[in-house]
Protein backbone atom coordinates (compact mmCIF):
# COMPACT_ATOMS: atom_id res chain seq x y z
CA UNK A 1 113.51 103.97 100.93
CA UNK A 2 115.60 101.56 102.99
CA UNK A 3 115.74 99.14 100.07
CA UNK A 4 117.04 101.99 97.90
CA UNK A 5 120.10 102.40 100.15
CA UNK A 6 120.64 98.67 100.69
CA UNK A 7 123.54 96.81 99.12
CA UNK A 8 121.61 94.93 96.45
CA UNK A 9 118.39 93.65 94.95
CA UNK A 10 115.26 93.61 97.11
CA UNK A 11 111.77 92.29 96.35
CA UNK A 12 108.47 92.81 98.14
CA UNK A 13 104.95 91.45 97.79
CA UNK A 14 101.81 93.17 99.01
CA UNK A 15 102.92 96.70 98.12
CA UNK A 16 100.18 99.32 98.03
CA UNK A 17 99.47 100.32 94.43
CA UNK A 18 98.34 103.88 95.14
CA UNK A 19 99.28 107.50 94.64
CA UNK A 20 101.40 107.91 97.78
CA UNK A 21 103.62 104.89 97.18
CA UNK A 22 104.00 105.79 93.51
CA UNK A 23 105.10 109.29 94.55
CA UNK A 24 107.82 107.76 96.72
CA UNK A 25 108.93 105.43 93.93
CA UNK A 26 109.05 108.25 91.38
CA UNK A 27 111.24 110.38 93.67
CA UNK A 28 113.61 107.49 94.31
CA UNK A 29 113.87 106.80 90.58
CA UNK A 30 114.80 110.44 90.07
CA UNK A 31 117.57 109.88 92.63
CA UNK A 32 119.01 107.05 90.52
CA UNK A 33 117.28 103.99 92.00
CA UNK A 34 115.78 101.28 89.78
CA UNK A 35 112.29 100.33 90.97
CA UNK A 36 109.87 98.11 89.05
CA UNK A 37 106.31 99.37 88.38
CA UNK A 38 103.99 99.30 91.38
CA UNK A 39 100.83 97.42 90.43
CA UNK A 40 98.29 95.20 92.18
CA UNK A 41 99.42 91.60 92.45
CA UNK A 42 102.98 92.27 91.30
CA UNK A 43 106.15 92.05 93.34
CA UNK A 44 108.04 95.32 93.60
CA UNK A 45 111.77 95.05 92.92
CA UNK A 46 114.25 97.66 94.12
CA UNK A 47 117.93 97.71 93.16
CA UNK A 48 119.73 99.22 96.13
CA UNK A 49 122.75 101.46 95.57
CA UNK A 50 124.16 101.44 99.09
CA UNK A 51 124.08 104.12 101.79
CA UNK A 52 126.01 106.56 99.60
CA UNK A 53 124.42 105.73 96.27
CA UNK A 54 121.77 108.42 95.75
CA UNK A 55 122.57 110.83 92.91
CA UNK A 56 121.57 114.42 92.19
CA UNK A 57 118.18 114.51 90.43
CA UNK A 58 117.73 116.35 87.15
CA UNK A 59 114.48 117.94 88.32
CA UNK A 60 112.43 118.80 91.37
CA UNK A 61 111.22 115.87 93.42
CA UNK A 62 107.43 115.81 93.15
CA UNK A 63 105.97 114.24 96.31
CA UNK A 64 102.34 114.50 95.22
CA UNK A 65 99.97 114.35 98.20
CA UNK A 66 102.30 112.32 100.39
CA UNK A 67 103.61 113.96 103.55
CA UNK A 68 105.47 110.77 104.39
CA UNK A 69 107.34 110.93 101.09
CA UNK A 70 108.36 114.56 101.54
CA UNK A 71 109.35 114.39 105.19
CA UNK A 72 111.26 111.10 105.05
CA UNK A 73 113.08 112.18 101.90
CA UNK A 74 114.17 115.39 103.62
CA UNK A 75 115.85 113.15 106.17
CA UNK A 76 117.27 110.77 103.56
CA UNK A 77 118.81 113.64 101.61
CA UNK A 78 120.34 115.46 104.59
CA UNK A 79 123.60 113.56 104.06
CA UNK A 80 123.73 113.95 100.24
CA UNK A 81 126.28 116.54 99.04
CA UNK A 82 124.06 118.07 96.39
CA UNK A 83 121.11 120.45 96.18
CA UNK A 84 117.57 119.24 95.61
CA UNK A 85 114.13 120.83 95.66
CA UNK A 86 111.13 118.98 97.06
CA UNK A 87 107.57 120.01 96.29
CA UNK A 88 104.06 118.54 96.20
CA UNK A 89 100.47 119.18 95.28
CA UNK A 90 98.49 122.13 96.66
CA UNK A 91 97.40 120.16 99.72
CA UNK A 92 100.92 119.03 100.62
CA UNK A 93 102.29 122.53 100.10
CA UNK A 94 100.02 123.71 102.94
CA UNK A 95 101.43 121.26 105.48
CA UNK A 96 104.09 122.31 108.03
CA UNK A 97 107.67 121.22 107.35
CA UNK A 98 109.63 123.24 109.90
CA UNK A 99 109.26 120.44 112.47
CA UNK A 100 111.41 118.31 110.13
CA UNK A 101 113.74 121.00 108.81
CA UNK A 102 114.76 122.43 112.20
CA UNK A 103 116.47 119.34 113.68
CA UNK A 104 117.97 118.46 110.28
CA UNK A 105 119.55 121.92 110.17
CA UNK A 106 120.99 121.29 113.63
CA UNK A 107 122.57 118.11 112.23
CA UNK A 108 124.19 120.13 109.41
CA UNK A 109 121.79 120.13 106.46
CA UNK A 110 120.91 123.42 104.78
CA UNK A 111 117.18 123.64 104.20
CA UNK A 112 115.20 126.63 102.95
CA UNK A 113 111.43 126.41 103.24
CA UNK A 114 108.71 128.56 101.71
CA UNK A 115 107.06 130.19 104.73
CA UNK A 116 107.62 126.98 106.67
CA UNK A 117 106.23 124.79 103.92
CA UNK A 118 107.09 123.23 100.56
CA UNK A 119 108.74 123.84 98.17
CA UNK A 120 111.91 123.10 100.14
CA UNK A 121 115.41 123.60 98.85
CA UNK A 122 117.87 121.30 100.59
CA UNK A 123 121.61 120.81 100.39
CA UNK A 124 122.98 117.99 102.48
CA UNK A 125 126.50 117.15 103.48
CA UNK A 126 128.55 116.10 106.48
CA UNK A 127 126.29 115.64 109.49
CA UNK A 128 127.00 115.83 113.21
CA UNK A 129 125.41 113.67 115.95
CA UNK A 130 122.34 115.05 117.66
CA UNK A 131 120.35 114.52 120.83
CA UNK A 132 116.89 115.86 120.10
CA UNK A 133 113.74 116.22 122.19
CA UNK A 134 110.89 116.47 119.70
CA UNK A 135 108.05 118.77 120.85
CA UNK A 136 105.56 116.58 118.95
CA UNK A 137 105.02 112.81 118.88
CA UNK A 138 105.57 112.22 115.18
CA UNK A 139 106.81 109.08 113.46
CA UNK A 140 107.65 111.22 110.43
CA UNK A 141 109.98 113.49 112.44
CA UNK A 142 111.53 110.49 114.15
CA UNK A 143 112.00 108.53 110.91
CA UNK A 144 113.48 111.52 109.08
CA UNK A 145 116.17 111.91 111.75
CA UNK A 146 116.88 108.18 111.83
CA UNK A 147 117.28 108.06 108.04
CA UNK A 148 119.51 111.13 108.08
CA UNK A 149 121.73 109.59 110.78
CA UNK A 150 121.81 106.24 108.99
CA UNK A 151 123.07 107.78 105.74
CA UNK A 152 125.31 110.23 107.54
CA UNK A 153 127.03 107.53 109.60
CA UNK A 154 126.37 109.28 112.90
CA UNK A 155 124.68 108.59 116.22
CA UNK A 156 121.28 110.11 116.96
CA UNK A 157 119.19 110.07 120.12
CA UNK A 158 115.60 111.24 119.92
CA UNK A 159 112.85 111.52 122.51
CA UNK A 160 109.14 112.28 122.10
CA UNK A 161 106.39 113.41 124.47
CA UNK A 162 104.56 110.12 123.74
CA UNK A 163 105.74 107.10 121.80
CA UNK A 164 104.75 107.36 118.13
CA UNK A 165 104.55 104.68 115.43
CA UNK A 166 107.66 102.54 115.40
CA UNK A 167 107.75 100.96 111.91
CA UNK A 168 111.17 102.43 111.10
CA UNK A 169 112.79 101.24 114.32
CA UNK A 170 111.39 97.74 113.86
CA UNK A 171 112.61 97.42 110.30
CA UNK A 172 116.06 98.81 111.11
CA UNK A 173 116.39 96.31 113.94
CA UNK A 174 115.32 93.48 111.64
CA UNK A 175 118.06 94.54 109.20
CA UNK A 176 120.74 94.40 111.88
CA UNK A 177 121.08 98.11 112.59
CA UNK A 178 121.63 98.93 116.25
CA UNK A 179 118.46 100.87 117.04
CA UNK A 180 117.58 100.82 120.73
CA UNK A 181 114.18 101.83 122.08
CA UNK A 182 113.65 102.70 125.73
CA UNK A 183 110.23 104.14 126.44
CA UNK A 184 109.96 107.33 124.38
CA UNK A 185 113.71 107.45 123.58
CA UNK A 186 115.26 105.99 120.42
CA UNK A 187 119.04 105.67 119.93
CA UNK A 188 120.61 104.79 116.58
CA UNK A 189 124.25 103.82 116.15
CA UNK A 190 126.14 104.21 112.85
CA UNK A 191 125.83 101.30 110.41
CA UNK A 192 128.24 100.29 107.66
CA UNK A 193 125.56 98.90 105.36
CA UNK A 194 121.97 97.81 104.88
CA UNK A 195 121.80 94.23 103.59
CA UNK A 196 119.43 93.39 100.72
CA UNK A 197 116.09 92.20 102.07
CA UNK A 198 112.56 91.33 101.03
CA UNK A 199 109.28 89.83 102.12
CA UNK A 200 105.57 90.48 102.45
CA UNK A 201 104.49 94.00 103.35
CA UNK A 202 101.80 93.88 106.07
CA UNK A 203 98.38 95.21 105.12
CA UNK A 204 97.79 98.81 106.19
CA UNK A 205 95.84 98.97 109.43
CA UNK A 206 94.43 102.42 108.69
CA UNK A 207 92.82 101.11 105.51
CA UNK A 208 91.50 98.02 107.30
CA UNK A 209 89.89 100.22 109.96
CA UNK A 210 87.30 101.54 107.45
CA UNK A 211 86.11 98.02 106.64
CA UNK A 212 86.04 97.07 110.32
CA UNK A 213 83.85 100.11 111.05
CA UNK A 214 81.56 99.38 108.10
CA UNK A 215 81.13 95.77 109.22
CA UNK A 216 80.19 96.95 112.72
CA UNK A 217 77.63 99.44 111.36
CA UNK A 218 76.16 96.75 109.10
CA UNK A 219 76.04 94.19 111.88
CA UNK A 220 78.16 91.75 109.91
CA UNK A 221 80.00 89.03 111.80
CA UNK A 222 81.09 87.01 108.75
CA UNK A 223 83.85 89.32 107.51
CA UNK A 224 87.55 88.63 107.99
CA UNK A 225 90.44 90.85 106.93
CA UNK A 226 93.60 88.85 106.33
CA UNK A 227 97.24 89.92 106.52
CA UNK A 228 96.65 93.17 108.46
CA UNK A 229 99.57 94.78 110.27
CA UNK A 230 98.67 94.99 113.97
CA UNK A 231 101.67 96.87 115.30
CA UNK A 232 100.52 98.08 118.76
CA UNK A 233 101.70 101.63 118.03
CA UNK A 234 99.15 101.69 115.17
CA UNK A 235 96.09 99.96 116.63
CA UNK A 236 94.76 102.55 119.05
CA UNK A 237 91.55 102.47 116.98
CA UNK A 238 90.90 98.89 118.11
CA UNK A 239 91.36 99.80 121.75
CA UNK A 240 89.02 102.78 121.36
CA UNK A 241 86.20 100.86 119.69
CA UNK A 242 86.47 98.15 122.35
CA UNK A 243 85.63 100.88 124.88
CA UNK A 244 82.71 101.82 122.62
CA UNK A 245 81.33 98.28 122.97
CA UNK A 246 82.80 96.66 119.86
CA UNK A 247 84.56 93.33 119.66
CA UNK A 248 87.21 92.49 117.04
CA UNK A 249 88.99 89.14 117.12
CA UNK A 250 92.64 88.81 116.05
CA UNK A 251 93.78 85.37 114.90
CA UNK A 252 96.59 83.79 112.84
CA UNK A 253 99.14 86.20 114.32
CA UNK A 254 102.57 85.99 112.67
CA UNK A 255 105.58 88.19 111.90
CA UNK A 256 106.57 89.85 108.62
CA UNK A 257 109.43 92.35 108.16
CA UNK A 258 109.56 92.80 111.92
CA UNK A 259 105.84 93.55 112.19
CA UNK A 260 103.02 91.50 113.77
CA UNK A 261 100.37 90.53 111.22
CA UNK A 262 96.93 89.03 111.91
CA UNK A 263 93.50 88.20 110.56
CA UNK A 264 90.91 90.60 112.02
CA UNK A 265 87.25 89.60 112.39
CA UNK A 266 84.75 92.24 113.57
CA UNK A 267 82.13 90.75 115.86
CA UNK A 268 79.48 92.46 117.95
CA UNK A 269 78.95 96.16 118.66
CA UNK A 270 76.83 97.53 121.48
CA UNK A 271 77.33 101.24 120.71
CA UNK A 272 78.43 103.58 123.47
CA UNK A 273 80.44 106.81 123.68
CA UNK A 274 84.20 106.99 123.96
CA UNK A 275 86.71 109.36 125.51
CA UNK A 276 90.13 109.62 123.84
CA UNK A 277 93.03 111.14 125.75
CA UNK A 278 95.93 113.12 124.22
CA UNK A 279 98.40 110.31 124.95
CA UNK A 280 96.34 107.93 122.78
CA UNK A 281 96.19 110.17 119.71
CA UNK A 282 99.54 109.23 118.07
CA UNK A 283 98.39 105.60 117.88
CA UNK A 284 95.13 106.44 116.10
CA UNK A 285 95.65 109.88 114.55
CA UNK A 286 94.55 108.81 111.05
CA UNK A 287 91.48 107.04 112.43
CA UNK A 288 90.09 109.93 114.51
CA UNK A 289 87.68 111.04 111.73
CA UNK A 290 86.43 107.45 111.44
CA UNK A 291 86.01 107.17 115.22
CA UNK A 292 84.07 110.43 115.19
CA UNK A 293 81.76 108.99 112.53
CA UNK A 294 81.16 105.88 114.63
CA UNK A 295 80.54 108.14 117.63
CA UNK A 296 77.76 109.80 115.63
CA UNK A 297 75.90 106.48 115.91
CA UNK A 298 76.81 105.77 119.55
CA UNK A 299 74.34 107.07 122.19
CA UNK A 300 75.97 109.60 124.51
CA UNK A 301 78.67 112.22 124.09
CA UNK A 302 82.11 111.19 122.86
CA UNK A 303 85.11 113.44 123.43
CA UNK A 304 88.46 113.46 121.65
CA UNK A 305 91.12 115.48 123.50
CA UNK A 306 94.48 116.61 122.16
CA UNK A 307 93.58 116.17 118.50
CA UNK A 308 95.01 119.50 117.29
CA UNK A 309 97.39 117.61 114.96
CA UNK A 310 94.35 117.01 112.73
CA UNK A 311 94.40 120.70 111.83
CA UNK A 312 97.65 120.25 109.84
CA UNK A 313 96.86 117.12 107.85
CA UNK A 314 95.78 117.06 104.18
CA UNK A 315 93.03 119.43 105.31
CA UNK A 316 91.95 120.96 108.61
CA UNK A 317 90.44 117.61 109.48
CA UNK A 318 89.35 118.70 112.92
CA UNK A 319 87.18 121.54 111.66
CA UNK A 320 85.85 119.55 108.71
CA UNK A 321 84.86 116.54 110.84
CA UNK A 322 82.79 118.77 113.13
CA UNK A 323 81.31 120.81 110.26
CA UNK A 324 80.39 117.77 108.19
CA UNK A 325 78.85 115.87 111.09
CA UNK A 326 76.78 118.92 111.97
CA UNK A 327 75.74 119.22 108.33
CA UNK A 328 74.44 115.65 108.43
CA UNK A 329 72.32 116.38 111.51
CA UNK A 330 74.66 115.18 114.27
CA UNK A 331 75.65 117.64 116.99
CA UNK A 332 79.44 118.03 116.91
CA UNK A 333 81.74 120.89 117.86
CA UNK A 334 85.34 121.79 118.63
CA UNK A 335 86.99 123.92 121.26
CA UNK A 336 90.74 124.33 121.01
CA UNK A 337 92.21 120.88 120.44
CA UNK A 338 89.12 118.99 121.61
CA UNK A 339 86.27 117.50 119.57
CA UNK A 340 82.87 116.54 120.95
CA UNK A 341 80.33 114.34 119.16
CA UNK A 342 76.81 113.61 120.42
CA UNK A 343 75.51 110.32 119.10
CA UNK A 344 72.10 110.30 117.43
CA UNK A 345 69.62 107.80 116.02
CA UNK A 346 68.11 110.43 113.71
CA UNK A 347 68.44 110.15 109.94
CA UNK A 348 71.80 111.49 108.71
CA UNK A 349 71.65 113.18 105.34
CA UNK A 350 73.87 115.62 103.47
CA UNK A 351 76.85 116.29 101.24
CA UNK A 352 80.38 115.97 102.65
CA UNK A 353 83.06 118.55 101.90
CA UNK A 354 86.40 116.75 101.86
CA UNK A 355 88.76 119.41 100.45
CA UNK A 356 90.43 116.50 98.69
CA UNK A 357 91.21 114.66 101.94
CA UNK A 358 91.12 110.88 101.45
CA UNK A 359 90.61 110.11 105.14
CA UNK A 360 87.47 112.25 105.29
CA UNK A 361 86.09 110.75 102.06
CA UNK A 362 86.47 107.22 103.41
CA UNK A 363 85.28 107.92 106.96
CA UNK A 364 82.05 109.59 105.88
CA UNK A 365 81.44 107.00 103.15
CA UNK A 366 81.54 104.37 105.88
CA UNK A 367 78.98 106.35 107.87
CA UNK A 368 76.83 106.29 104.74
CA UNK A 369 76.40 102.49 104.86
CA UNK A 370 74.05 102.94 107.81
CA UNK A 371 70.50 102.12 106.75
CA UNK A 372 69.24 105.46 108.06
CA UNK A 373 71.77 107.66 106.25
CA UNK A 374 72.13 109.34 102.87
CA UNK A 375 75.69 110.61 102.64
CA UNK A 376 77.24 112.05 99.48
CA UNK A 377 80.99 112.70 99.24
CA UNK A 378 82.04 115.64 97.05
CA UNK A 379 85.35 114.17 95.86
CA UNK A 380 85.39 110.36 95.94
CA UNK A 381 88.43 110.23 93.64
CA UNK A 382 90.70 111.58 96.38
CA UNK A 383 90.88 108.06 97.89
CA UNK A 384 93.30 107.15 95.08
CA UNK A 385 96.28 108.42 97.09
CA UNK A 386 96.01 105.68 99.74
CA UNK A 387 93.26 103.16 98.93
CA UNK A 388 92.24 103.03 95.24
CA UNK A 389 90.02 99.97 95.78
CA UNK A 390 88.14 101.43 98.71
CA UNK A 391 84.72 101.88 97.10
CA UNK A 392 84.94 98.48 95.40
CA UNK A 393 85.66 96.83 98.75
CA UNK A 394 82.99 98.85 100.54
CA UNK A 395 80.38 97.87 97.92
CA UNK A 396 81.41 94.23 98.29
CA UNK A 397 80.98 94.46 102.03
CA UNK A 398 77.56 96.07 101.68
CA UNK A 399 76.43 93.60 99.02
CA UNK A 400 76.67 90.75 101.53
CA UNK A 401 74.57 92.55 104.11
CA UNK A 402 70.82 92.25 104.52
CA UNK A 403 70.85 96.00 105.20
CA UNK A 404 72.32 96.87 101.80
CA UNK A 405 70.38 99.54 99.92
């Protein structure tokens, strides 16, 4: 998205060739941006049109399953003087959008939602500066406001209850935009332009986490994951599994596009329970289902507090994690925004209901690599939105293990 509003040609290696990124690219193409096909092993080229270069699309913008696409585009389009409609698949149309629309309206955009959800009809225009205290710690809310202010040429100051992922701030700073971070407060000053840029996109930590967990369950110490983004606002999973008795070594640390990148090598795991506090959740929100699956194999009772945000993801992840673990034979339950999981050594067996949620499909598939488990996922194809090669990589990991069945 930032390349689309830069002043020229940009090129990136390591782009994720999956449904979510292709949804973003398709929407940007509809807005008049030239983007080369997104495919494994190919550089992605984006011809930027400048901060004011987006044009009115001829059709609705279809965001697929990607909440990031929909929410960040709502921010991007808040300064565009034309009307556009954003929609998505059935899962995305169930997700809340008022948290994005409300502050954008305060800035001057006109946004009509459908009972607080997509489809959204938006007409942007001249924006006014805003000082906003977000009630939720959300990188999507934060990034939407930053992108709106960037294209609108205005100042924005945003605070959160807890610091959320900071990829947008890092990249803006790398590109020369004055974006100051002080604790949970982010201030953005107007910028005249975004220069053309390029480089290697760091590997997605959330995707790497599944292979780290599988390696720990399999007892493998000969697996290394190269080129993984290890931004500290994203790696709460590593800190949590360390408290569970796991060891993961980070080596070859370098920088790419303003992000730290490393090679991660899972080592030993002496399973124990974990307690996750609400303040930790923003840094591991996508990995909570995976942590819960690891907790199913860790003696003792693990507790995850303040995880209510999981109820408004691609599915009600919180309820489905507890229901599916219980269906496998592991005692798990929720109360309010808290999840409890009692670890067990008993055989885990059953069919997982994902409701098309890629995170659940991958988390429970990882649990299935355990020698004393027989786990079947009802919709394995749903992983296409974020990690099309997941099952290939998981099979490769299992094939090198003496425990492989």
